[in-house]
Amino acid sequence: PFNVGRAINLSGFTLNEAKPLEEGLAAFKDSGEVLRSILLWTKGQPFLSQKICLIAAQERESISQTENIPDWINNLVNRRIIQNWQSNDVPEHLRTIRDRLLMNDQEAARRLGLYQRVLSRSASSSASAADVLSTEYMELRLSGVVVDRDNELHIHNPIYADVFTLSWTEDALTSLRPYAAAFNGWISSKKTDESYLLEGNDLTEAVQLAEKQSLPPEDLNFIVASQTLVAEKAEKVAEKAEKVAEKAERERKRLAKNNQLLGARIGGNTTQQKRAKKRILEREVNAAQREAFAEKTLKDGLQKLEEAARESQEAKI
């Protein structure tokens, strides 16, 4: 029955909204400056703002009379929040975000791929309607690591950016991609170095992974490019094998004709002539057998290549 609703965009504390937290910072000479410096790191994220205010109050005695407050807060955040964040994350907060980013292996790659684009600023200035309604877009927002401003995703605050970095994201994606090294090399070459593309069992495994998981568009492009290259190579090999088979057939016919002419020239009924004729005929038979075997081998190889190319095309995603 509740089919009408209105989205409420929750934002972090503003400086005025966070003013009550100054009561716990009263021991500082300039509690307002301490709070402002903390909010620069948290962008008003409620839990982190309160946690860092508590840590600052606990470590009040460590600040000297001459020390700059923003620098002291920067050092405090790096030492107590960002460095060794997994062990320092008490009560748990950052680990919860990590688990939300990595949850559900079948969707994690696409979610991390979108987060990677946000981090690298390669995302478009505004998301399309399809993007806004996509699962990874919504799950990324719900993780808390990003915020939506006019259908554009931004990292919520500098703390999240320093914890869940590009390096962390790449490592997480690597654990989900068995072909990570080849993929990264292909991307680094601006998708021009075909030596990084997959073949054989590696390609088969990648296609199977794409069937099971929801991979980012770049991954799908990489797999399709690999399939296309394999199909092109198979086609070239097939063409070459066909030319070799044609050449072998021409050579077989030439040898057969020459042997026929030689046999016709050997006449008479002397023992020596008969032996000579027998040897020539044996050589002709052996040559014909070898050519027939070579031709069969080439045809079998051509048939297998054609079947591989056809299977590759059928498996293309």
C-alpha atoms as a PDB file:
ATOM      1  CA  PRO A   1       0.000   0.000   0.000  1.00  0.00           C
ATOM      2  CA  PHE A   2       2.958   2.356   0.489  1.00  0.00           C
ATOM      3  CA  ASN A   3       3.723   3.035  -3.157  1.00  0.00           C
ATOM      4  CA  VAL A   4       4.433   6.759  -2.792  1.00  0.00           C
ATOM      5  CA  GLY A   5       7.608   7.912  -1.148  1.00  0.00           C
ATOM      6  CA  ARG A   6      10.230  10.629  -1.127  1.00  0.00           C
ATOM      7  CA  ALA A   7      13.959  10.012  -0.854  1.00  0.00           C
ATOM      8  CA  ILE A   8      15.699  11.707   2.057  1.00  0.00           C
ATOM      9  CA  ASN A   9      19.353  12.422   1.440  1.00  0.00           C
ATOM     10  CA  LEU A  10      21.205  12.212   4.760  1.00  0.00           C
ATOM     11  CA  SER A  11      24.265  14.429   4.963  1.00  0.00           C
ATOM     12  CA  GLY A  12      26.948  14.700   7.620  1.00  0.00           C
ATOM     13  CA  PHE A  13      27.022  17.148  10.496  1.00  0.00           C
ATOM     14  CA  THR A  14      27.605  20.768   9.609  1.00  0.00           C
ATOM     15  CA  LEU A  15      29.762  22.814  11.943  1.00  0.00           C
ATOM     16  CA  ASN A  16      26.689  24.297  13.648  1.00  0.00           C
ATOM     17  CA  GLU A  17      25.041  20.884  14.015  1.00  0.00           C
ATOM     18  CA  ALA A  18      28.244  19.511  15.566  1.00  0.00           C
ATOM     19  CA  LYS A  19      28.559  22.356  18.099  1.00  0.00           C
ATOM     20  CA  PRO A  20      27.348  20.183  21.026  1.00  0.00           C
ATOM     21  CA  LEU A  21      30.506  18.074  20.581  1.00  0.00           C
ATOM     22  CA  GLU A  22      32.563  21.093  21.694  1.00  0.00           C
ATOM     23  CA  GLU A  23      31.459  20.430  25.255  1.00  0.00           C
ATOM     24  CA  GLY A  24      33.760  17.424  25.351  1.00  0.00           C
ATOM     25  CA  LEU A  25      36.618  19.501  23.938  1.00  0.00           C
ATOM     26  CA  ALA A  26      36.434  22.240  26.532  1.00  0.00           C
ATOM     27  CA  ALA A  27      39.919  21.456  27.849  1.00  0.00           C
ATOM     28  CA  PHE A  28      41.426  22.755  24.610  1.00  0.00           C
ATOM     29  CA  LYS A  29      42.352  26.411  24.350  1.00  0.00           C
ATOM     30  CA  ASP A  30      40.422  26.663  21.078  1.00  0.00           C
ATOM     31  CA  SER A  31      37.797  23.919  21.049  1.00  0.00           C
ATOM     32  CA  GLY A  32      36.183  25.412  17.947  1.00  0.00           C
ATOM     33  CA  GLU A  33      39.390  24.999  15.932  1.00  0.00           C
ATOM     34  CA  VAL A  34      39.723  21.392  17.121  1.00  0.00           C
ATOM     35  CA  LEU A  35      36.172  20.621  15.990  1.00  0.00           C
ATOM     36  CA  ARG A  36      36.672  22.326  12.620  1.00  0.00           C
ATOM     37  CA  SER A  37      39.862  20.341  12.017  1.00  0.00           C
ATOM     38  CA  ILE A  38      38.101  17.091  12.881  1.00  0.00           C
ATOM     39  CA  LEU A  39      35.174  17.846  10.545  1.00  0.00           C
ATOM     40  CA  LEU A  40      37.633  18.458   7.692  1.00  0.00           C
ATOM     41  CA  TRP A  41      38.614  14.808   8.039  1.00  0.00           C
ATOM     42  CA  THR A  42      35.166  13.318   8.644  1.00  0.00           C
ATOM     43  CA  LYS A  43      33.002  15.675   6.522  1.00  0.00           C
ATOM     44  CA  GLY A  44      30.515  15.418   9.369  1.00  0.00           C
ATOM     45  CA  GLN A  45      30.177  11.599   9.335  1.00  0.00           C
ATOM     46  CA  PRO A  46      28.486  11.151  12.741  1.00  0.00           C
ATOM     47  CA  PHE A  47      30.290   8.083  14.056  1.00  0.00           C
ATOM     48  CA  LEU A  48      33.788   9.179  12.990  1.00  0.00           C
ATOM     49  CA  SER A  49      33.224  12.758  14.206  1.00  0.00           C
ATOM     50  CA  GLN A  50      32.294  11.562  17.681  1.00  0.00           C
ATOM     51  CA  LYS A  51      35.044   8.955  17.790  1.00  0.00           C
ATOM     52  CA  ILE A  52      37.813  11.407  16.858  1.00  0.00           C
ATOM     53  CA  CYS A  53      36.453  13.992  19.305  1.00  0.00           C
ATOM     54  CA  LEU A  54      36.718  11.343  22.037  1.00  0.00           C
ATOM     55  CA  ILE A  55      40.275  10.397  21.012  1.00  0.00           C
ATOM     56  CA  ALA A  56      41.281  14.075  20.917  1.00  0.00           C
ATOM     57  CA  ALA A  57      39.886  14.638  24.422  1.00  0.00           C
ATOM     58  CA  GLN A  58      41.746  11.550  25.686  1.00  0.00           C
ATOM     59  CA  GLU A  59      45.046  12.743  24.200  1.00  0.00           C
ATOM     60  CA  ARG A  60      44.647  16.415  25.152  1.00  0.00           C
ATOM     61  CA  GLU A  61      47.780  16.333  27.286  1.00  0.00           C
ATOM     62  CA  SER A  62      49.948  15.335  24.302  1.00  0.00           C
ATOM     63  CA  ILE A  63      49.534  18.685  22.514  1.00  0.00           C
ATOM     64  CA  SER A  64      52.115  21.330  23.294  1.00  0.00           C
ATOM     65  CA  GLN A  65      51.385  24.990  23.825  1.00  0.00           C
ATOM     66  CA  THR A  66      53.001  25.942  20.525  1.00  0.00           C
ATOM     67  CA  GLU A  67      51.737  23.066  18.374  1.00  0.00           C
ATOM     68  CA  ASN A  68      49.425  23.879  15.497  1.00  0.00           C
ATOM     69  CA  ILE A  69      45.973  22.347  16.142  1.00  0.00           C
ATOM     70  CA  PRO A  70      45.218  21.270  12.533  1.00  0.00           C
ATOM     71  CA  ASP A  71      48.631  19.566  12.328  1.00  0.00           C
ATOM     72  CA  TRP A  72      48.047  17.863  15.667  1.00  0.00           C
ATOM     73  CA  ILE A  73      44.639  16.581  14.511  1.00  0.00           C
ATOM     74  CA  ASN A  74      46.166  15.369  11.215  1.00  0.00           C
ATOM     75  CA  ASN A  75      48.787  13.402  13.122  1.00  0.00           C
ATOM     76  CA  LEU A  76      46.145  12.066  15.521  1.00  0.00           C
ATOM     77  CA  VAL A  77      43.855  10.839  12.706  1.00  0.00           C
ATOM     78  CA  ASN A  78      46.695   9.182  10.822  1.00  0.00           C
ATOM     79  CA  ARG A  79      48.077   7.493  13.928  1.00  0.00           C
ATOM     80  CA  ARG A  80      44.834   6.421  15.625  1.00  0.00           C
ATOM     81  CA  ILE A  81      42.472   5.880  12.665  1.00  0.00           C
ATOM     82  CA  ILE A  82      44.217   5.332   9.315  1.00  0.00           C
ATOM     83  CA  GLN A  83      47.474   3.532  10.176  1.00  0.00           C
ATOM     84  CA  ASN A  84      46.847  -0.115  11.056  1.00  0.00           C
ATOM     85  CA  TRP A  85      43.168   0.672  10.618  1.00  0.00           C
ATOM     86  CA  GLN A  86      41.995  -2.930  10.914  1.00  0.00           C
ATOM     87  CA  SER A  87      43.418  -3.291  14.411  1.00  0.00           C
ATOM     88  CA  ASN A  88      42.557   0.294  15.430  1.00  0.00           C
ATOM     89  CA  ASP A  89      38.953  -0.017  14.246  1.00  0.00           C
ATOM     90  CA  VAL A  90      37.317  -0.249  17.665  1.00  0.00           C
ATOM     91  CA  PRO A  91      34.345   0.083  17.832  1.00  0.00           C
ATOM     92  CA  GLU A  92      34.096  -1.480  14.398  1.00  0.00           C
ATOM     93  CA  HIS A  93      33.297   0.899  11.565  1.00  0.00           C
ATOM     94  CA  LEU A  94      35.838   0.723   8.739  1.00  0.00           C
ATOM     95  CA  ARG A  95      35.750  -3.082   8.748  1.00  0.00           C
ATOM     96  CA  THR A  96      31.978  -2.929   8.293  1.00  0.00           C
ATOM     97  CA  ILE A  97      32.424  -0.758   5.201  1.00  0.00           C
ATOM     98  CA  ARG A  98      35.090  -3.145   3.913  1.00  0.00           C
ATOM     99  CA  ASP A  99      32.745  -6.102   4.332  1.00  0.00           C
ATOM    100  CA  ARG A 100      29.971  -4.266   2.496  1.00  0.00           C
ATOM    101  CA  LEU A 101      32.313  -3.478  -0.396  1.00  0.00           C
ATOM    102  CA  LEU A 102      33.377  -7.119  -0.668  1.00  0.00           C
ATOM    103  CA  MET A 103      30.077  -8.843   0.135  1.00  0.00           C
ATOM    104  CA  ASN A 104      28.497 -11.185  -2.412  1.00  0.00           C
ATOM    105  CA  ASP A 105      31.368 -12.312  -4.642  1.00  0.00           C
ATOM    106  CA  GLN A 106      29.119 -12.382  -7.702  1.00  0.00           C
ATOM    107  CA  GLU A 107      28.546  -8.615  -7.504  1.00  0.00           C
ATOM    108  CA  ALA A 108      31.712  -7.464  -5.724  1.00  0.00           C
ATOM    109  CA  ALA A 109      33.772  -7.039  -8.892  1.00  0.00           C
ATOM    110  CA  ARG A 110      31.298  -4.620 -10.484  1.00  0.00           C
ATOM    111  CA  ARG A 111      30.912  -2.709  -7.199  1.00  0.00           C
ATOM    112  CA  LEU A 112      34.667  -2.380  -6.784  1.00  0.00           C
ATOM    113  CA  GLY A 113      35.041  -1.458 -10.446  1.00  0.00           C
ATOM    114  CA  LEU A 114      32.619   1.452  -9.979  1.00  0.00           C
ATOM    115  CA  TYR A 115      34.376   2.506  -6.775  1.00  0.00           C
ATOM    116  CA  GLN A 116      37.704   2.394  -8.618  1.00  0.00           C
ATOM    117  CA  ARG A 117      36.342   4.769 -11.260  1.00  0.00           C
ATOM    118  CA  VAL A 118      35.130   7.157  -8.568  1.00  0.00           C
ATOM    119  CA  LEU A 119      38.557   7.101  -6.911  1.00  0.00           C
ATOM    120  CA  SER A 120      40.397   7.731 -10.173  1.00  0.00           C
ATOM    121  CA  ARG A 121      37.953  10.467 -11.180  1.00  0.00           C
ATOM    122  CA  SER A 122      37.251   8.652 -14.448  1.00  0.00           C
ATOM    123  CA  ALA A 123      33.528   8.411 -13.784  1.00  0.00           C
ATOM    124  CA  SER A 124      31.340  10.643 -15.923  1.00  0.00           C
ATOM    125  CA  SER A 125      30.261  13.973 -14.485  1.00  0.00           C
ATOM    126  CA  SER A 126      26.758  12.624 -14.030  1.00  0.00           C
ATOM    127  CA  ALA A 127      25.549   9.048 -13.912  1.00  0.00           C
ATOM    128  CA  SER A 128      22.983   7.767 -16.370  1.00  0.00           C
ATOM    129  CA  ALA A 129      19.531   6.698 -15.236  1.00  0.00           C
ATOM    130  CA  ALA A 130      20.571   3.069 -15.690  1.00  0.00           C
ATOM    131  CA  ASP A 131      23.648   3.601 -13.495  1.00  0.00           C
ATOM    132  CA  VAL A 132      21.634   5.268 -10.739  1.00  0.00           C
ATOM    133  CA  LEU A 133      19.264   2.294 -10.635  1.00  0.00           C
ATOM    134  CA  SER A 134      22.008  -0.327 -10.882  1.00  0.00           C
ATOM    135  CA  THR A 135      22.693  -2.691  -7.997  1.00  0.00           C
ATOM    136  CA  GLU A 136      26.356  -1.737  -7.658  1.00  0.00           C
ATOM    137  CA  TYR A 137      25.485   1.982  -7.575  1.00  0.00           C
ATOM    138  CA  MET A 138      22.973   1.519  -4.774  1.00  0.00           C
ATOM    139  CA  GLU A 139      25.153  -0.902  -2.806  1.00  0.00           C
ATOM    140  CA  LEU A 140      28.144   1.418  -3.064  1.00  0.00           C
ATOM    141  CA  ARG A 141      26.072   4.255  -1.647  1.00  0.00           C
ATOM    142  CA  LEU A 142      24.660   2.048   1.107  1.00  0.00           C
ATOM    143  CA  SER A 143      28.177   1.033   2.155  1.00  0.00           C
ATOM    144  CA  GLY A 144      28.676   4.640   3.245  1.00  0.00           C
ATOM    145  CA  VAL A 145      32.020   5.038   1.485  1.00  0.00           C
ATOM    146  CA  VAL A 146      30.551   7.371  -1.141  1.00  0.00           C
ATOM    147  CA  VAL A 147      27.854  10.036  -1.242  1.00  0.00           C
ATOM    148  CA  ASP A 148      25.577  11.023  -4.098  1.00  0.00           C
ATOM    149  CA  ARG A 149      25.509  14.657  -5.131  1.00  0.00           C
ATOM    150  CA  ASP A 150      23.178  15.280  -8.071  1.00  0.00           C
ATOM    151  CA  ASN A 151      23.667  11.736  -9.400  1.00  0.00           C
ATOM    152  CA  GLU A 152      27.445  12.027  -9.099  1.00  0.00           C
ATOM    153  CA  LEU A 153      29.351   9.841  -6.659  1.00  0.00           C
ATOM    154  CA  HIS A 154      32.072  11.290  -4.436  1.00  0.00           C
ATOM    155  CA  ILE A 155      34.218   9.721  -1.708  1.00  0.00           C
ATOM    156  CA  HIS A 156      32.483  10.605   1.549  1.00  0.00           C
ATOM    157  CA  ASN A 157      35.546  11.894   3.375  1.00  0.00           C
ATOM    158  CA  PRO A 158      39.376  11.890   3.330  1.00  0.00           C
ATOM    159  CA  ILE A 159      39.536   9.079   5.912  1.00  0.00           C
ATOM    160  CA  TYR A 160      37.722   6.653   3.616  1.00  0.00           C
ATOM    161  CA  ALA A 161      39.875   7.770   0.684  1.00  0.00           C
ATOM    162  CA  ASP A 162      43.062   7.096   2.682  1.00  0.00           C
ATOM    163  CA  VAL A 163      41.883   3.690   3.906  1.00  0.00           C
ATOM    164  CA  PHE A 164      40.155   2.305   0.806  1.00  0.00           C
ATOM    165  CA  THR A 165      42.741   3.504  -1.680  1.00  0.00           C
ATOM    166  CA  LEU A 166      43.286   2.619  -5.334  1.00  0.00           C
ATOM    167  CA  SER A 167      45.962   0.183  -4.203  1.00  0.00           C
ATOM    168  CA  TRP A 168      43.542  -1.494  -1.769  1.00  0.00           C
ATOM    169  CA  THR A 169      40.877  -1.658  -4.491  1.00  0.00           C
ATOM    170  CA  GLU A 170      43.287  -3.181  -7.012  1.00  0.00           C
ATOM    171  CA  ASP A 171      44.340  -5.829  -4.486  1.00  0.00           C
ATOM    172  CA  ALA A 172      40.700  -6.653  -3.779  1.00  0.00           C
ATOM    173  CA  LEU A 173      39.939  -6.931  -7.496  1.00  0.00           C
ATOM    174  CA  THR A 174      43.044  -9.082  -7.997  1.00  0.00           C
ATOM    175  CA  SER A 175      41.699 -11.601  -5.504  1.00  0.00           C
ATOM    176  CA  LEU A 176      38.506 -11.771  -7.585  1.00  0.00           C
ATOM    177  CA  ARG A 177      40.295 -11.890 -10.982  1.00  0.00           C
ATOM    178  CA  PRO A 178      42.409 -14.950 -11.785  1.00  0.00           C
ATOM    179  CA  TYR A 179      43.605 -13.004 -14.854  1.00  0.00           C
ATOM    180  CA  ALA A 180      44.497  -9.815 -12.938  1.00  0.00           C
ATOM    181  CA  ALA A 181      48.124  -9.541 -14.135  1.00  0.00           C
ATOM    182  CA  ALA A 182      47.167  -9.885 -17.799  1.00  0.00           C
ATOM    183  CA  PHE A 183      44.197  -7.533 -17.396  1.00  0.00           C
ATOM    184  CA  ASN A 184      46.288  -4.833 -15.701  1.00  0.00           C
ATOM    185  CA  GLY A 185      48.959  -5.100 -18.403  1.00  0.00           C
ATOM    186  CA  TRP A 186      46.333  -4.753 -21.139  1.00  0.00           C
ATOM    187  CA  ILE A 187      44.817  -1.687 -19.451  1.00  0.00           C
ATOM    188  CA  SER A 188      48.289  -0.156 -18.931  1.00  0.00           C
ATOM    189  CA  SER A 189      48.976  -0.535 -22.655  1.00  0.00           C
ATOM    190  CA  LYS A 190      45.748   1.355 -23.352  1.00  0.00           C
ATOM    191  CA  LYS A 191      44.261  -1.873 -24.698  1.00  0.00           C
ATOM    192  CA  THR A 192      46.766  -2.095 -27.542  1.00  0.00           C
ATOM    193  CA  ASP A 193      49.158  -4.874 -26.469  1.00  0.00           C
ATOM    194  CA  GLU A 194      47.567  -8.133 -27.622  1.00  0.00           C
ATOM    195  CA  SER A 195      50.243 -10.193 -25.859  1.00  0.00           C
ATOM    196  CA  TYR A 196      48.280  -9.711 -22.615  1.00  0.00           C
ATOM    197  CA  LEU A 197      45.068 -11.184 -24.020  1.00  0.00           C
ATOM    198  CA  LEU A 198      44.017 -14.631 -22.824  1.00  0.00           C
ATOM    199  CA  GLU A 199      44.164 -17.920 -24.684  1.00  0.00           C
ATOM    200  CA  GLY A 200      43.571 -21.604 -23.975  1.00  0.00           C
ATOM    201  CA  ASN A 201      42.598 -22.623 -20.438  1.00  0.00           C
ATOM    202  CA  ASP A 202      43.048 -19.077 -19.124  1.00  0.00           C
ATOM    203  CA  LEU A 203      40.414 -17.808 -21.540  1.00  0.00           C
ATOM    204  CA  THR A 204      38.103 -20.721 -20.775  1.00  0.00           C
ATOM    205  CA  GLU A 205      38.320 -19.982 -17.034  1.00  0.00           C
ATOM    206  CA  ALA A 206      37.673 -16.276 -17.626  1.00  0.00           C
ATOM    207  CA  VAL A 207      34.564 -17.023 -19.706  1.00  0.00           C
ATOM    208  CA  GLN A 208      33.296 -19.387 -16.994  1.00  0.00           C
ATOM    209  CA  LEU A 209      33.909 -16.678 -14.369  1.00  0.00           C
ATOM    210  CA  ALA A 210      31.941 -14.160 -16.467  1.00  0.00           C
ATOM    211  CA  GLU A 211      29.039 -16.616 -16.607  1.00  0.00           C
ATOM    212  CA  LYS A 212      29.010 -16.973 -12.812  1.00  0.00           C
ATOM    213  CA  GLN A 213      29.792 -13.408 -11.711  1.00  0.00           C
ATOM    214  CA  SER A 214      28.684  -9.945 -12.706  1.00  0.00           C
ATOM    215  CA  LEU A 215      31.964  -8.498 -13.997  1.00  0.00           C
ATOM    216  CA  PRO A 216      32.716  -4.817 -14.700  1.00  0.00           C
ATOM    217  CA  PRO A 217      32.445  -3.635 -18.331  1.00  0.00           C
ATOM    218  CA  GLU A 218      36.237  -3.400 -18.667  1.00  0.00           C
ATOM    219  CA  ASP A 219      36.597  -7.062 -17.716  1.00  0.00           C
ATOM    220  CA  LEU A 220      33.990  -8.094 -20.268  1.00  0.00           C
ATOM    221  CA  ASN A 221      35.751  -6.045 -22.948  1.00  0.00           C
ATOM    222  CA  PHE A 222      39.016  -7.791 -22.056  1.00  0.00           C
ATOM    223  CA  ILE A 223      37.462 -11.250 -22.362  1.00  0.00           C
ATOM    224  CA  VAL A 224      35.712 -10.420 -25.654  1.00  0.00           C
ATOM    225  CA  ALA A 225      38.964  -8.998 -27.072  1.00  0.00           C
ATOM    226  CA  SER A 226      40.712 -12.237 -26.077  1.00  0.00           C
ATOM    227  CA  GLN A 227      38.029 -14.338 -27.770  1.00  0.00           C
ATOM    228  CA  THR A 228      38.244 -12.228 -30.921  1.00  0.00           C
ATOM    229  CA  LEU A 229      42.027 -12.604 -31.075  1.00  0.00           C
ATOM    230  CA  VAL A 230      41.807 -16.395 -30.626  1.00  0.00           C
ATOM    231  CA  ALA A 231      39.198 -16.625 -33.399  1.00  0.00           C
ATOM    232  CA  GLU A 232      41.369 -14.530 -35.739  1.00  0.00           C
ATOM    233  CA  LYS A 233      44.421 -16.681 -35.026  1.00  0.00           C
ATOM    234  CA  ALA A 234      42.443 -19.863 -35.637  1.00  0.00           C
ATOM    235  CA  GLU A 235      41.184 -18.481 -38.939  1.00  0.00           C
ATOM    236  CA  LYS A 236      44.716 -17.600 -40.065  1.00  0.00           C
ATOM    237  CA  VAL A 237      46.040 -21.030 -39.113  1.00  0.00           C
ATOM    238  CA  ALA A 238      43.138 -22.651 -40.956  1.00  0.00           C
ATOM    239  CA  GLU A 239      43.905 -20.639 -44.076  1.00  0.00           C
ATOM    240  CA  LYS A 240      47.582 -21.582 -43.857  1.00  0.00           C
ATOM    241  CA  ALA A 241      46.763 -25.264 -43.345  1.00  0.00           C
ATOM    242  CA  GLU A 242      44.478 -25.198 -46.361  1.00  0.00           C
ATOM    243  CA  LYS A 243      47.238 -23.726 -48.513  1.00  0.00           C
ATOM    244  CA  VAL A 244      49.688 -26.384 -47.297  1.00  0.00           C
ATOM    245  CA  ALA A 245      47.145 -29.099 -48.097  1.00  0.00           C
ATOM    246  CA  GLU A 246      46.664 -27.700 -51.597  1.00  0.00           C
ATOM    247  CA  LYS A 247      50.428 -27.598 -52.137  1.00  0.00           C
ATOM    248  CA  ALA A 248      50.787 -31.190 -50.901  1.00  0.00           C
ATOM    249  CA  GLU A 249      48.054 -32.320 -53.280  1.00  0.00           C
ATOM    250  CA  ARG A 250      49.769 -30.647 -56.229  1.00  0.00           C
ATOM    251  CA  GLU A 251      53.080 -32.258 -55.278  1.00  0.00           C
ATOM    252  CA  ARG A 252      51.425 -35.673 -54.954  1.00  0.00           C
ATOM    253  CA  LYS A 253      49.929 -35.363 -58.405  1.00  0.00           C
ATOM    254  CA  ARG A 254      53.271 -34.249 -59.841  1.00  0.00           C
ATOM    255  CA  LEU A 255      55.097 -37.211 -58.297  1.00  0.00           C
ATOM    256  CA  ALA A 256      52.416 -39.603 -59.499  1.00  0.00           C
ATOM    257  CA  LYS A 257      52.706 -38.257 -63.014  1.00  0.00           C
ATOM    258  CA  ASN A 258      56.513 -38.452 -62.971  1.00  0.00           C
ATOM    259  CA  ASN A 259      56.406 -42.014 -61.661  1.00  0.00           C
ATOM    260  CA  GLN A 260      53.925 -42.948 -64.348  1.00  0.00           C
ATOM    261  CA  LEU A 261      56.203 -41.534 -67.036  1.00  0.00           C
ATOM    262  CA  LEU A 262      59.208 -43.326 -65.569  1.00  0.00           C
ATOM    263  CA  GLY A 263      57.314 -46.576 -65.420  1.00  0.00           C
ATOM    264  CA  ALA A 264      56.318 -46.227 -69.045  1.00  0.00           C
ATOM    265  CA  ARG A 265      59.907 -45.656 -70.059  1.00  0.00           C
ATOM    266  CA  ILE A 266      61.088 -48.826 -68.337  1.00  0.00           C
ATOM    267  CA  GLY A 267      60.254 -51.544 -70.761  1.00  0.00           C
ATOM    268  CA  GLY A 268      61.596 -54.996 -71.534  1.00  0.00           C
ATOM    269  CA  ASN A 269      61.442 -58.141 -69.606  1.00  0.00           C
ATOM    270  CA  THR A 270      64.984 -58.559 -68.352  1.00  0.00           C
ATOM    271  CA  THR A 271      65.429 -59.299 -64.682  1.00  0.00           C
ATOM    272  CA  GLN A 272      67.360 -56.052 -64.179  1.00  0.00           C
ATOM    273  CA  GLN A 273      64.627 -54.031 -65.883  1.00  0.00           C
ATOM    274  CA  LYS A 274      61.900 -55.709 -63.831  1.00  0.00           C
ATOM    275  CA  ARG A 275      63.779 -55.004 -60.599  1.00  0.00           C
ATOM    276  CA  ALA A 276      64.268 -51.374 -61.569  1.00  0.00           C
ATOM    277  CA  LYS A 277      60.593 -51.034 -62.437  1.00  0.00           C
ATOM    278  CA  LYS A 278      59.620 -52.700 -59.139  1.00  0.00           C
ATOM    279  CA  ARG A 279      61.786 -50.290 -57.156  1.00  0.00           C
ATOM    280  CA  ILE A 280      60.269 -47.287 -58.900  1.00  0.00           C
ATOM    281  CA  LEU A 281      56.774 -48.577 -58.310  1.00  0.00           C
ATOM    282  CA  GLU A 282      57.572 -49.173 -54.621  1.00  0.00           C
ATOM    283  CA  ARG A 283      58.897 -45.633 -54.294  1.00  0.00           C
ATOM    284  CA  GLU A 284      55.766 -44.338 -55.968  1.00  0.00           C
ATOM    285  CA  VAL A 285      53.534 -46.300 -53.596  1.00  0.00           C
ATOM    286  CA  ASN A 286      55.536 -45.108 -50.545  1.00  0.00           C
ATOM    287  CA  ALA A 287      55.457 -41.499 -51.736  1.00  0.00           C
ATOM    288  CA  ALA A 288      51.716 -41.691 -52.355  1.00  0.00           C
ATOM    289  CA  GLN A 289      51.171 -43.185 -48.891  1.00  0.00           C
ATOM    290  CA  ARG A 290      53.236 -40.456 -47.251  1.00  0.00           C
ATOM    291  CA  GLU A 291      51.388 -37.771 -49.140  1.00  0.00           C
ATOM    292  CA  ALA A 292      48.035 -39.323 -48.248  1.00  0.00           C
ATOM    293  CA  PHE A 293      49.025 -39.450 -44.563  1.00  0.00           C
ATOM    294  CA  ALA A 294      50.224 -35.824 -44.647  1.00  0.00           C
ATOM    295  CA  GLU A 295      47.030 -34.753 -46.362  1.00  0.00           C
ATOM    296  CA  LYS A 296      44.889 -36.577 -43.773  1.00  0.00           C
ATOM    297  CA  THR A 297      46.888 -35.010 -40.914  1.00  0.00           C
ATOM    298  CA  LEU A 298      46.432 -31.533 -42.374  1.00  0.00           C
ATOM    299  CA  LYS A 299      42.738 -32.071 -42.935  1.00  0.00           C
ATOM    300  CA  ASP A 300      42.296 -33.327 -39.360  1.00  0.00           C
ATOM    301  CA  GLY A 301      44.190 -30.320 -38.032  1.00  0.00           C
ATOM    302  CA  LEU A 302      42.112 -27.967 -40.166  1.00  0.00           C
ATOM    303  CA  GLN A 303      38.902 -29.572 -38.904  1.00  0.00           C
ATOM    304  CA  LYS A 304      40.009 -29.166 -35.264  1.00  0.00           C
ATOM    305  CA  LEU A 305      40.934 -25.522 -35.822  1.00  0.00           C
ATOM    306  CA  GLU A 306      37.581 -24.841 -37.431  1.00  0.00           C
ATOM    307  CA  GLU A 307      35.802 -26.512 -34.512  1.00  0.00           C
ATOM    308  CA  ALA A 308      37.843 -24.448 -31.986  1.00  0.00           C
ATOM    309  CA  ALA A 309      37.043 -21.225 -33.829  1.00  0.00           C
ATOM    310  CA  ARG A 310      33.369 -22.139 -33.968  1.00  0.00           C
ATOM    311  CA  GLU A 311      33.287 -22.978 -30.236  1.00  0.00           C
ATOM    312  CA  SER A 312      35.053 -19.706 -29.436  1.00  0.00           C
ATOM    313  CA  GLN A 313      32.510 -17.736 -31.442  1.00  0.00           C
ATOM    314  CA  GLU A 314      29.630 -19.589 -29.776  1.00  0.00           C
ATOM    315  CA  ALA A 315      31.074 -18.858 -26.314  1.00  0.00           C
ATOM    316  CA  LYS A 316      31.587 -15.152 -27.063  1.00  0.00           C
ATOM    317  CA  ILE A 317      29.757 -12.921 -24.566  1.00  0.00           C
END
